[in-house]
PDB file of all heavy atoms in Angstrom:
ATOM      1  N   GLY A   1      -7.127 -13.830 -68.882  1.00  0.00           N
ATOM      2  CA  GLY A   1      -7.399 -13.705 -70.310  1.00  0.00           C
ATOM      3  C   GLY A   1      -8.774 -13.126 -70.592  1.00  0.00           C
ATOM      4  O   GLY A   1      -9.463 -12.639 -69.689  1.00  0.00           O
ATOM      5  N   GLY A   2      -9.177 -13.184 -71.856  1.00  0.00           N
ATOM      6  CA  GLY A   2     -10.417 -12.576 -72.313  1.00  0.00           C
ATOM      7  C   GLY A   2     -11.622 -13.490 -72.175  1.00  0.00           C
ATOM      8  O   GLY A   2     -11.629 -14.447 -71.387  1.00  0.00           O
ATOM      9  N   GLY A   3     -12.659 -13.197 -72.963  1.00  0.00           N
ATOM     10  CA  GLY A   3     -13.909 -13.930 -72.852  1.00  0.00           C
ATOM     11  C   GLY A   3     -13.761 -15.419 -73.111  1.00  0.00           C
ATOM     12  O   GLY A   3     -14.330 -16.249 -72.391  1.00  0.00           O
ATOM     13  N   GLY A   4     -13.011 -15.780 -74.147  1.00  0.00           N
ATOM     14  CA  GLY A   4     -12.786 -17.194 -74.436  1.00  0.00           C
ATOM     15  C   GLY A   4     -12.047 -17.898 -73.313  1.00  0.00           C
ATOM     16  O   GLY A   4     -12.328 -19.061 -73.003  1.00  0.00           O
ATOM     17  N   SER A   5     -11.116 -17.188 -72.701  1.00  0.00           N
ATOM     18  CA  SER A   5     -10.357 -17.752 -71.586  1.00  0.00           C
ATOM     19  C   SER A   5     -11.260 -18.002 -70.383  1.00  0.00           C
ATOM     20  O   SER A   5     -11.117 -19.003 -69.671  1.00  0.00           O
ATOM     21  CB  SER A   5      -9.221 -16.803 -71.187  1.00  0.00           C
ATOM     22  OG  SER A   5      -8.376 -16.555 -72.288  1.00  0.00           O
ATOM     23  N   GLN A   6     -12.209 -17.087 -70.142  1.00  0.00           N
ATOM     24  CA  GLN A   6     -13.135 -17.271 -69.023  1.00  0.00           C
ATOM     25  C   GLN A   6     -14.072 -18.445 -69.289  1.00  0.00           C
ATOM     26  O   GLN A   6     -14.447 -19.174 -68.365  1.00  0.00           O
ATOM     27  CB  GLN A   6     -13.928 -15.985 -68.771  1.00  0.00           C
ATOM     28  CG  GLN A   6     -13.071 -14.746 -68.529  1.00  0.00           C
ATOM     29  CD  GLN A   6     -11.996 -14.951 -67.481  1.00  0.00           C
ATOM     30  OE1 GLN A   6     -12.231 -15.535 -66.430  1.00  0.00           O
ATOM     31  NE2 GLN A   6     -10.783 -14.468 -67.770  1.00  0.00           N
ATOM     32  N   ARG A   7     -14.450 -18.654 -70.556  1.00  0.00           N
ATOM     33  CA  ARG A   7     -15.262 -19.829 -70.879  1.00  0.00           C
ATOM     34  C   ARG A   7     -14.458 -21.114 -70.683  1.00  0.00           C
ATOM     35  O   ARG A   7     -14.989 -22.140 -70.255  1.00  0.00           O
ATOM     36  CB  ARG A   7     -15.804 -19.725 -72.309  1.00  0.00           C
ATOM     37  CG  ARG A   7     -16.878 -18.649 -72.465  1.00  0.00           C
ATOM     38  CD  ARG A   7     -17.539 -18.687 -73.818  1.00  0.00           C
ATOM     39  NE  ARG A   7     -16.650 -18.221 -74.882  1.00  0.00           N
ATOM     40  CZ  ARG A   7     -16.498 -16.947 -75.223  1.00  0.00           C
ATOM     41  NH1 ARG A   7     -17.155 -16.006 -74.561  1.00  0.00           N
ATOM     42  NH2 ARG A   7     -15.691 -16.605 -76.204  1.00  0.00           N
ATOM     43  N   GLY A   8     -13.164 -21.047 -71.003  1.00  0.00           N
ATOM     44  CA  GLY A   8     -12.293 -22.197 -70.740  1.00  0.00           C
ATOM     45  C   GLY A   8     -12.166 -22.465 -69.254  1.00  0.00           C
ATOM     46  O   GLY A   8     -12.151 -23.624 -68.816  1.00  0.00           O
ATOM     47  N   ALA A   9     -12.086 -21.391 -68.462  1.00  0.00           N
ATOM     48  CA  ALA A   9     -12.029 -21.542 -67.008  1.00  0.00           C
ATOM     49  C   ALA A   9     -13.294 -22.210 -66.492  1.00  0.00           C
ATOM     50  O   ALA A   9     -13.246 -23.085 -65.608  1.00  0.00           O
ATOM     51  CB  ALA A   9     -11.838 -20.176 -66.353  1.00  0.00           C
ATOM     52  N   LEU A  10     -14.443 -21.813 -67.051  1.00  0.00           N
ATOM     53  CA  LEU A  10     -15.713 -22.416 -66.640  1.00  0.00           C
ATOM     54  C   LEU A  10     -15.729 -23.905 -66.968  1.00  0.00           C
ATOM     55  O   LEU A  10     -16.196 -24.725 -66.154  1.00  0.00           O
ATOM     56  CB  LEU A  10     -16.876 -21.708 -67.331  1.00  0.00           C
ATOM     57  CG  LEU A  10     -18.262 -22.302 -67.099  1.00  0.00           C
ATOM     58  CD1 LEU A  10     -18.636 -22.240 -65.619  1.00  0.00           C
ATOM     59  CD2 LEU A  10     -19.316 -21.586 -67.943  1.00  0.00           C
ATOM     60  N   ALA A  11     -15.229 -24.270 -68.134  1.00  0.00           N
ATOM     61  CA  ALA A  11     -15.212 -25.685 -68.528  1.00  0.00           C
ATOM     62  C   ALA A  11     -14.391 -26.513 -67.543  1.00  0.00           C
ATOM     63  O   ALA A  11     -14.788 -27.625 -67.166  1.00  0.00           O
ATOM     64  CB  ALA A  11     -14.649 -25.827 -69.939  1.00  0.00           C
ATOM     65  N   LEU A  12     -13.260 -25.979 -67.098  1.00  0.00           N
ATOM     66  CA  LEU A  12     -12.434 -26.694 -66.126  1.00  0.00           C
ATOM     67  C   LEU A  12     -13.117 -26.753 -64.768  1.00  0.00           C
ATOM     68  O   LEU A  12     -13.068 -27.772 -64.068  1.00  0.00           O
ATOM     69  CB  LEU A  12     -11.062 -26.027 -66.010  1.00  0.00           C
ATOM     70  CG  LEU A  12     -10.143 -26.201 -67.218  1.00  0.00           C
ATOM     71  CD1 LEU A  12      -8.900 -25.325 -67.080  1.00  0.00           C
ATOM     72  CD2 LEU A  12      -9.742 -27.664 -67.386  1.00  0.00           C
ATOM     73  N   HIS A  13     -13.762 -25.658 -64.388  1.00  0.00           N
ATOM     74  CA  HIS A  13     -14.501 -25.635 -63.118  1.00  0.00           C
ATOM     75  C   HIS A  13     -15.583 -26.702 -63.113  1.00  0.00           C
ATOM     76  O   HIS A  13     -15.779 -27.406 -62.098  1.00  0.00           O
ATOM     77  CB  HIS A  13     -15.121 -24.248 -62.921  1.00  0.00           C
ATOM     78  CG  HIS A  13     -16.126 -24.184 -61.805  1.00  0.00           C
ATOM     79  ND1 HIS A  13     -15.788 -24.327 -60.476  1.00  0.00           N
ATOM     80  CD2 HIS A  13     -17.486 -24.019 -61.836  1.00  0.00           C
ATOM     81  CE1 HIS A  13     -16.887 -24.242 -59.726  1.00  0.00           C
ATOM     82  NE2 HIS A  13     -17.912 -24.052 -60.528  1.00  0.00           N
ATOM     83  N   GLN A  14     -16.272 -26.855 -64.243  1.00  0.00           N
ATOM     84  CA  GLN A  14     -17.339 -27.851 -64.334  1.00  0.00           C
ATOM     85  C   GLN A  14     -16.798 -29.276 -64.289  1.00  0.00           C
ATOM     86  O   GLN A  14     -17.540 -30.215 -64.008  1.00  0.00           O
ATOM     87  CB  GLN A  14     -18.149 -27.618 -65.606  1.00  0.00           C
ATOM     88  CG  GLN A  14     -18.960 -26.324 -65.574  1.00  0.00           C
ATOM     89  CD  GLN A  14     -19.582 -25.963 -66.904  1.00  0.00           C
ATOM     90  OE1 GLN A  14     -19.103 -26.385 -67.968  1.00  0.00           O
ATOM     91  NE2 GLN A  14     -20.654 -25.170 -66.869  1.00  0.00           N
ATOM     92  N   ARG A  15     -15.499 -29.430 -64.544  1.00  0.00           N
ATOM     93  CA  ARG A  15     -14.851 -30.743 -64.439  1.00  0.00           C
ATOM     94  C   ARG A  15     -14.195 -30.938 -63.078  1.00  0.00           C
ATOM     95  O   ARG A  15     -13.443 -31.894 -62.880  1.00  0.00           O
ATOM     96  CB  ARG A  15     -13.831 -30.925 -65.566  1.00  0.00           C
ATOM     97  CG  ARG A  15     -14.466 -31.106 -66.937  1.00  0.00           C
ATOM     98  CD  ARG A  15     -13.427 -31.240 -68.035  1.00  0.00           C
ATOM     99  NE  ARG A  15     -14.055 -31.497 -69.327  1.00  0.00           N
ATOM    100  CZ  ARG A  15     -14.366 -32.686 -69.798  1.00  0.00           C
ATOM    101  NH1 ARG A  15     -14.086 -33.768 -69.071  1.00  0.00           N
ATOM    102  NH2 ARG A  15     -14.934 -32.830 -70.976  1.00  0.00           N
ATOM    103  N   GLY A  16     -14.453 -29.994 -62.175  1.00  0.00           N
ATOM    104  CA  GLY A  16     -13.984 -30.175 -60.805  1.00  0.00           C
ATOM    105  C   GLY A  16     -12.685 -29.492 -60.447  1.00  0.00           C
ATOM    106  O   GLY A  16     -12.164 -29.683 -59.348  1.00  0.00           O
ATOM    107  N   VAL A  17     -12.150 -28.680 -61.356  1.00  0.00           N
ATOM    108  CA  VAL A  17     -10.899 -27.982 -61.073  1.00  0.00           C
ATOM    109  C   VAL A  17     -11.201 -26.679 -60.324  1.00  0.00           C
ATOM    110  O   VAL A  17     -11.973 -25.857 -60.819  1.00  0.00           O
ATOM    111  CB  VAL A  17     -10.128 -27.644 -62.377  1.00  0.00           C
ATOM    112  CG1 VAL A  17      -8.838 -26.877 -62.055  1.00  0.00           C
ATOM    113  CG2 VAL A  17      -9.817 -28.915 -63.153  1.00  0.00           C
ATOM    114  N   PRO A  18     -10.616 -26.456 -59.151  1.00  0.00           N
ATOM    115  CA  PRO A  18     -10.754 -25.156 -58.491  1.00  0.00           C
ATOM    116  C   PRO A  18     -10.072 -24.075 -59.332  1.00  0.00           C
ATOM    117  O   PRO A  18      -8.867 -24.160 -59.594  1.00  0.00           O
ATOM    118  CB  PRO A  18     -10.040 -25.349 -57.149  1.00  0.00           C
ATOM    119  CG  PRO A  18     -10.040 -26.836 -56.921  1.00  0.00           C
ATOM    120  CD  PRO A  18      -9.903 -27.423 -58.298  1.00  0.00           C
ATOM    121  N   VAL A  19     -10.831 -23.105 -59.794  1.00  0.00           N
ATOM    122  CA  VAL A  19     -10.290 -22.122 -60.730  1.00  0.00           C
ATOM    123  C   VAL A  19     -10.906 -20.753 -60.482  1.00  0.00           C
ATOM    124  O   VAL A  19     -12.078 -20.644 -60.124  1.00  0.00           O
ATOM    125  CB  VAL A  19     -10.527 -22.582 -62.194  1.00  0.00           C
ATOM    126  CG1 VAL A  19     -12.000 -22.737 -62.486  1.00  0.00           C
ATOM    127  CG2 VAL A  19      -9.890 -21.628 -63.189  1.00  0.00           C
ATOM    128  N   VAL A  20     -10.092 -19.721 -60.674  1.00  0.00           N
ATOM    129  CA  VAL A  20     -10.565 -18.336 -60.658  1.00  0.00           C
ATOM    130  C   VAL A  20     -10.036 -17.652 -61.913  1.00  0.00           C
ATOM    131  O   VAL A  20      -8.856 -17.803 -62.268  1.00  0.00           O
ATOM    132  CB  VAL A  20     -10.094 -17.580 -59.403  1.00  0.00           C
ATOM    133  CG1 VAL A  20     -10.385 -16.080 -59.515  1.00  0.00           C
ATOM    134  CG2 VAL A  20     -10.780 -18.138 -58.157  1.00  0.00           C
ATOM    135  N   GLY A  21     -10.896 -16.913 -62.592  1.00  0.00           N
ATOM    136  CA  GLY A  21     -10.503 -16.185 -63.795  1.00  0.00           C
ATOM    137  C   GLY A  21     -10.184 -14.736 -63.488  1.00  0.00           C
ATOM    138  O   GLY A  21     -10.717 -14.153 -62.534  1.00  0.00           O
ATOM    139  N   VAL A  22      -9.304 -14.175 -64.317  1.00  0.00           N
ATOM    140  CA  VAL A  22      -8.950 -12.758 -64.227  1.00  0.00           C
ATOM    141  C   VAL A  22      -9.143 -12.137 -65.610  1.00  0.00           C
ATOM    142  O   VAL A  22      -8.568 -12.627 -66.586  1.00  0.00           O
ATOM    143  CB  VAL A  22      -7.484 -12.559 -63.771  1.00  0.00           C
ATOM    144  CG1 VAL A  22      -7.165 -11.068 -63.663  1.00  0.00           C
ATOM    145  CG2 VAL A  22      -7.224 -13.254 -62.444  1.00  0.00           C
ATOM    146  N   PRO A  23      -9.953 -11.066 -65.738  1.00  0.00           N
ATOM    147  CA  PRO A  23     -10.253 -10.507 -67.059  1.00  0.00           C
ATOM    148  C   PRO A  23      -9.122  -9.634 -67.599  1.00  0.00           C
ATOM    149  O   PRO A  23      -8.751  -8.628 -67.000  1.00  0.00           O
ATOM    150  CB  PRO A  23     -11.506  -9.659 -66.790  1.00  0.00           C
ATOM    151  CG  PRO A  23     -11.356  -9.219 -65.363  1.00  0.00           C
ATOM    152  CD  PRO A  23     -10.670 -10.357 -64.659  1.00  0.00           C
ATOM    153  N   ALA A  24      -8.595 -10.014 -68.738  1.00  0.00           N
ATOM    154  CA  ALA A  24      -7.551  -9.233 -69.409  1.00  0.00           C
ATOM    155  C   ALA A  24      -7.886  -9.183 -70.889  1.00  0.00           C
ATOM    156  O   ALA A  24      -7.764 -10.183 -71.596  1.00  0.00           O
ATOM    157  CB  ALA A  24      -6.169  -9.858 -69.186  1.00  0.00           C
ATOM    158  N   SER A  25      -8.358  -8.035 -71.355  1.00  0.00           N
ATOM    159  CA  SER A  25      -8.755  -7.881 -72.758  1.00  0.00           C
ATOM    160  C   SER A  25      -8.853  -6.404 -73.083  1.00  0.00           C
ATOM    161  O   SER A  25      -9.573  -5.666 -72.409  1.00  0.00           O
ATOM    162  CB  SER A  25     -10.114  -8.547 -73.008  1.00  0.00           C
ATOM    163  OG  SER A  25     -10.614  -8.195 -74.280  1.00  0.00           O
ATOM    164  N   ILE A  26      -8.162  -5.971 -74.137  1.00  0.00           N
ATOM    165  CA  ILE A  26      -8.221  -4.553 -74.476  1.00  0.00           C
ATOM    166  C   ILE A  26      -9.572  -4.170 -75.061  1.00  0.00           C
ATOM    167  O   ILE A  26      -9.908  -2.983 -75.121  1.00  0.00           O
ATOM    168  CB  ILE A  26      -7.083  -4.149 -75.439  1.00  0.00           C
ATOM    169  CG1 ILE A  26      -7.228  -4.813 -76.801  1.00  0.00           C
ATOM    170  CG2 ILE A  26      -5.724  -4.439 -74.821  1.00  0.00           C
ATOM    171  CD1 ILE A  26      -6.250  -4.275 -77.851  1.00  0.00           C
ATOM    172  N   ASP A  27     -10.388  -5.152 -75.479  1.00  0.00           N
ATOM    173  CA  ASP A  27     -11.726  -4.844 -76.009  1.00  0.00           C
ATOM    174  C   ASP A  27     -12.702  -4.408 -74.915  1.00  0.00           C
ATOM    175  O   ASP A  27     -13.721  -3.780 -75.210  1.00  0.00           O
ATOM    176  CB  ASP A  27     -12.313  -6.053 -76.739  1.00  0.00           C
ATOM    177  CG  ASP A  27     -11.642  -6.313 -78.075  1.00  0.00           C
ATOM    178  OD1 ASP A  27     -11.027  -5.369 -78.620  1.00  0.00           O
ATOM    179  OD2 ASP A  27     -11.708  -7.448 -78.564  1.00  0.00           O
ATOM    180  N   ASN A  28     -12.413  -4.769 -73.685  1.00  0.00           N
ATOM    181  CA  ASN A  28     -13.261  -4.440 -72.530  1.00  0.00           C
ATOM    182  C   ASN A  28     -14.707  -4.890 -72.733  1.00  0.00           C
ATOM    183  O   ASN A  28     -15.649  -4.169 -72.417  1.00  0.00           O
ATOM    184  CB  ASN A  28     -13.241  -2.931 -72.231  1.00  0.00           C
ATOM    185  CG  ASN A  28     -13.552  -2.638 -70.769  1.00  0.00           C
ATOM    186  OD1 ASN A  28     -13.151  -3.382 -69.878  1.00  0.00           O
ATOM    187  ND2 ASN A  28     -14.272  -1.564 -70.517  1.00  0.00           N
ATOM    188  N   ASP A  29     -14.853  -6.115 -73.214  1.00  0.00           N
ATOM    189  CA  ASP A  29     -16.192  -6.625 -73.495  1.00  0.00           C
ATOM    190  C   ASP A  29     -16.582  -7.795 -72.593  1.00  0.00           C
ATOM    191  O   ASP A  29     -17.516  -8.533 -72.889  1.00  0.00           O
ATOM    192  CB  ASP A  29     -16.306  -7.047 -74.963  1.00  0.00           C
ATOM    193  CG  ASP A  29     -15.274  -8.099 -75.354  1.00  0.00           C
ATOM    194  OD1 ASP A  29     -14.390  -8.421 -74.530  1.00  0.00           O
ATOM    195  OD2 ASP A  29     -15.335  -8.599 -76.496  1.00  0.00           O
ATOM    196  N   ILE A  30     -15.882  -7.963 -71.475  1.00  0.00           N
ATOM    197  CA  ILE A  30     -16.149  -9.077 -70.569  1.00  0.00           C
ATOM    198  C   ILE A  30     -17.162  -8.649 -69.510  1.00  0.00           C
ATOM    199  O   ILE A  30     -16.966  -7.640 -68.820  1.00  0.00           O
ATOM    200  CB  ILE A  30     -14.857  -9.578 -69.903  1.00  0.00           C
ATOM    201  CG1 ILE A  30     -13.858 -10.036 -70.972  1.00  0.00           C
ATOM    202  CG2 ILE A  30     -15.151 -10.724 -68.939  1.00  0.00           C
ATOM    203  CD1 ILE A  30     -12.515 -10.457 -70.411  1.00  0.00           C
ATOM    204  N   TYR A  31     -18.202  -9.414 -69.374  1.00  0.00           N
ATOM    205  CA  TYR A  31     -19.226  -9.105 -68.386  1.00  0.00           C
ATOM    206  C   TYR A  31     -18.672  -9.309 -66.974  1.00  0.00           C
ATOM    207  O   TYR A  31     -17.895 -10.226 -66.716  1.00  0.00           O
ATOM    208  CB  TYR A  31     -20.442 -10.006 -68.584  1.00  0.00           C
ATOM    209  CG  TYR A  31     -21.520  -9.776 -67.562  1.00  0.00           C
ATOM    210  CD1 TYR A  31     -22.397  -8.700 -67.685  1.00  0.00           C
ATOM    211  CD2 TYR A  31     -21.644 -10.612 -66.450  1.00  0.00           C
ATOM    212  CE1 TYR A  31     -23.379  -8.464 -66.731  1.00  0.00           C
ATOM    213  CE2 TYR A  31     -22.625 -10.378 -65.496  1.00  0.00           C
ATOM    214  CZ  TYR A  31     -23.483  -9.300 -65.640  1.00  0.00           C
ATOM    215  OH  TYR A  31     -24.446  -9.065 -64.690  1.00  0.00           O
ATOM    216  N   GLY A  32     -19.093  -8.446 -66.046  1.00  0.00           N
ATOM    217  CA  GLY A  32     -18.741  -8.630 -64.642  1.00  0.00           C
ATOM    218  C   GLY A  32     -17.631  -7.747 -64.133  1.00  0.00           C
ATOM    219  O   GLY A  32     -17.279  -7.817 -62.960  1.00  0.00           O
ATOM    220  N   THR A  33     -17.069  -6.914 -64.988  1.00  0.00           N
ATOM    221  CA  THR A  33     -16.025  -5.993 -64.551  1.00  0.00           C
ATOM    222  C   THR A  33     -16.185  -4.663 -65.273  1.00  0.00           C
ATOM    223  O   THR A  33     -16.534  -4.626 -66.458  1.00  0.00           O
ATOM    224  CB  THR A  33     -14.615  -6.572 -64.790  1.00  0.00           C
ATOM    225  OG1 THR A  33     -13.628  -5.692 -64.237  1.00  0.00           O
ATOM    226  CG2 THR A  33     -14.325  -6.771 -66.276  1.00  0.00           C
ATOM    227  N   ASP A  34     -15.955  -3.580 -64.550  1.00  0.00           N
ATOM    228  CA  ASP A  34     -16.040  -2.264 -65.182  1.00  0.00           C
ATOM    229  C   ASP A  34     -14.964  -2.085 -66.240  1.00  0.00           C
ATOM    230  O   ASP A  34     -15.187  -1.434 -67.265  1.00  0.00           O
ATOM    231  CB  ASP A  34     -15.892  -1.155 -64.125  1.00  0.00           C
ATOM    232  CG  ASP A  34     -17.060  -1.102 -63.165  1.00  0.00           C
ATOM    233  OD1 ASP A  34     -18.118  -1.687 -63.482  1.00  0.00           O
ATOM    234  OD2 ASP A  34     -16.922  -0.485 -62.095  1.00  0.00           O
ATOM    235  N   ILE A  35     -13.800  -2.644 -65.967  1.00  0.00           N
ATOM    236  CA  ILE A  35     -12.676  -2.491 -66.898  1.00  0.00           C
ATOM    237  C   ILE A  35     -11.767  -3.701 -66.784  1.00  0.00           C
ATOM    238  O   ILE A  35     -11.619  -4.289 -65.708  1.00  0.00           O
ATOM    239  CB  ILE A  35     -11.902  -1.180 -66.626  1.00  0.00           C
ATOM    240  CG1 ILE A  35     -10.925  -0.865 -67.765  1.00  0.00           C
ATOM    241  CG2 ILE A  35     -11.196  -1.215 -65.273  1.00  0.00           C
ATOM    242  CD1 ILE A  35     -10.407   0.563 -67.738  1.00  0.00           C
TER     243      ILE A  35
END
């Protein structure tokens, strides 16, 4: 998902859940990926 989804992934990671995010957003405004 997009930026909000990555923040949600971070929240779960901070609660101890093993998680990896994948950037999917047509706005292309997510830091850390060219596209």
